[in-house]
C-alpha atoms as a PDB file:
ATOM      1  CA  MET A   1      59.387 192.103 241.177  1.00  0.00           C
ATOM      2  CA  VAL A   2      60.862 190.972 237.878  1.00  0.00           C
ATOM      3  CA  GLU A   3      64.488 189.949 237.453  1.00  0.00           C
ATOM      4  CA  VAL A   4      65.667 191.409 234.162  1.00  0.00           C
ATOM      5  CA  ARG A   5      68.870 190.023 232.671  1.00  0.00           C
ATOM      6  CA  TYR A   6      70.607 192.013 229.939  1.00  0.00           C
ATOM      7  CA  PHE A   7      72.981 190.579 227.351  1.00  0.00           C
ATOM      8  CA  ALA A   8      75.571 191.913 224.890  1.00  0.00           C
ATOM      9  CA  ALA A   9      74.947 195.460 223.589  1.00  0.00           C
ATOM     10  CA  ILE A  10      71.925 196.129 225.815  1.00  0.00           C
ATOM     11  CA  ALA A  11      73.979 195.178 228.900  1.00  0.00           C
ATOM     12  CA  ASP A  12      76.645 197.641 227.764  1.00  0.00           C
ATOM     13  CA  ALA A  13      74.028 200.342 227.179  1.00  0.00           C
ATOM     14  CA  VAL A  14      72.463 200.038 230.652  1.00  0.00           C
ATOM     15  CA  GLY A  15      75.784 199.375 232.367  1.00  0.00           C
ATOM     16  CA  LYS A  16      74.782 196.151 234.112  1.00  0.00           C
ATOM     17  CA  SER A  17      73.946 192.541 233.418  1.00  0.00           C
ATOM     18  CA  SER A  18      70.829 192.318 235.582  1.00  0.00           C
ATOM     19  CA  GLU A  19      68.511 194.160 237.924  1.00  0.00           C
ATOM     20  CA  LEU A  20      65.229 193.773 239.768  1.00  0.00           C
ATOM     21  CA  LEU A  21      62.369 195.971 238.587  1.00  0.00           C
ATOM     22  CA  ASP A  22      59.199 196.611 240.518  1.00  0.00           C
ATOM     23  CA  LEU A  23      56.539 195.938 237.888  1.00  0.00           C
ATOM     24  CA  PRO A  24      52.897 194.922 238.382  1.00  0.00           C
ATOM     25  CA  ALA A  25      51.969 191.235 238.246  1.00  0.00           C
ATOM     26  CA  ASP A  26      50.240 191.678 234.866  1.00  0.00           C
ATOM     27  CA  ALA A  27      53.107 193.661 233.270  1.00  0.00           C
ATOM     28  CA  THR A  28      53.968 193.108 229.613  1.00  0.00           C
ATOM     29  CA  ILE A  29      57.049 193.499 227.459  1.00  0.00           C
ATOM     30  CA  GLY A  30      55.693 196.920 226.507  1.00  0.00           C
ATOM     31  CA  ASP A  31      55.606 197.882 230.189  1.00  0.00           C
ATOM     32  CA  LEU A  32      59.157 196.597 230.599  1.00  0.00           C
ATOM     33  CA  ARG A  33      60.363 198.669 227.638  1.00  0.00           C
ATOM     34  CA  THR A  34      58.680 201.756 229.095  1.00  0.00           C
ATOM     35  CA  SER A  35      60.312 201.160 232.471  1.00  0.00           C
ATOM     36  CA  ILE A  36      63.770 200.662 230.963  1.00  0.00           C
ATOM     37  CA  SER A  37      63.368 203.739 228.761  1.00  0.00           C
ATOM     38  CA  ALA A  38      62.296 205.831 231.765  1.00  0.00           C
ATOM     39  CA  ALA A  39      65.311 204.655 233.761  1.00  0.00           C
ATOM     40  CA  TYR A  40      67.995 204.903 231.065  1.00  0.00           C
ATOM     41  CA  GLY A  41      66.608 207.378 228.562  1.00  0.00           C
ATOM     42  CA  PRO A  42      64.727 207.193 225.269  1.00  0.00           C
ATOM     43  CA  LYS A  43      67.999 206.695 223.384  1.00  0.00           C
ATOM     44  CA  LEU A  44      67.513 202.985 224.153  1.00  0.00           C
ATOM     45  CA  ASP A  45      64.087 202.812 222.483  1.00  0.00           C
ATOM     46  CA  PRO A  46      65.410 201.786 219.035  1.00  0.00           C
ATOM     47  CA  MET A  47      67.505 199.003 220.588  1.00  0.00           C
ATOM     48  CA  LEU A  48      64.668 197.810 222.837  1.00  0.00           C
ATOM     49  CA  ALA A  49      62.361 197.638 219.807  1.00  0.00           C
ATOM     50  CA  VAL A  50      64.615 195.111 218.040  1.00  0.00           C
ATOM     51  CA  CYS A  51      65.521 193.065 221.115  1.00  0.00           C
ATOM     52  CA  ALA A  52      64.035 189.651 221.660  1.00  0.00           C
ATOM     53  CA  TYR A  53      62.700 188.796 225.103  1.00  0.00           C
ATOM     54  CA  LEU A  54      63.034 185.341 226.620  1.00  0.00           C
ATOM     55  CA  ILE A  55      60.028 184.717 228.843  1.00  0.00           C
ATOM     56  CA  GLY A  56      60.127 181.228 230.300  1.00  0.00           C
ATOM     57  CA  ASP A  57      60.997 179.054 227.309  1.00  0.00           C
ATOM     58  CA  GLU A  58      59.498 181.421 224.731  1.00  0.00           C
ATOM     59  CA  LEU A  59      61.495 183.934 222.717  1.00  0.00           C
ATOM     60  CA  THR A  60      59.256 186.802 221.601  1.00  0.00           C
ATOM     61  CA  ARG A  61      59.111 190.415 220.471  1.00  0.00           C
ATOM     62  CA  ASP A  62      55.375 190.721 221.160  1.00  0.00           C
ATOM     63  CA  ALA A  63      54.868 193.868 223.266  1.00  0.00           C
ATOM     64  CA  THR A  64      51.672 192.390 224.738  1.00  0.00           C
ATOM     65  CA  ALA A  65      53.358 189.234 226.079  1.00  0.00           C
ATOM     66  CA  ARG A  66      53.051 188.956 229.863  1.00  0.00           C
ATOM     67  CA  LEU A  67      56.229 188.890 231.892  1.00  0.00           C
ATOM     68  CA  THR A  68      57.375 186.065 234.135  1.00  0.00           C
ATOM     69  CA  PRO A  69      59.502 186.522 237.278  1.00  0.00           C
ATOM     70  CA  ARG A  70      62.636 186.462 235.086  1.00  0.00           C
ATOM     71  CA  VAL A  71      63.035 187.987 231.624  1.00  0.00           C
ATOM     72  CA  ASP A  72      66.140 187.980 229.427  1.00  0.00           C
ATOM     73  CA  VAL A  73      66.632 190.938 227.078  1.00  0.00           C
ATOM     74  CA  LEU A  74      68.573 189.846 223.991  1.00  0.00           C
ATOM     75  CA  PRO A  75      69.707 192.236 221.277  1.00  0.00           C
ATOM     76  CA  PRO A  76      70.189 190.921 217.745  1.00  0.00           C
ATOM     77  CA  PHE A  77      73.390 188.897 217.508  1.00  0.00           C
ATOM     78  CA  ALA A  78      75.635 188.938 214.460  1.00  0.00           C
ATOM     79  CA  GLY A  79      77.697 186.055 213.243  1.00  0.00           C
ATOM     80  CA  GLY A  80      77.104 182.432 212.663  1.00  0.00           C
END
């Protein structure tokens, strides 16, 4: 199980701030995107593609990065 926490626009799009997803132990960000798209529809694909993913202490967009037990999904933030 992976705890996925959503922030800002992606939280609004999925209608929640977090959820548990049943993903394999060797799942990647690409697998996570596929799972989210399957659950909420391909309309989220463009947003998921530009999101950053916080895995442990590392912020990445690398689709091959392996997931940890908790992943934060962060859309681009505007402002300064």
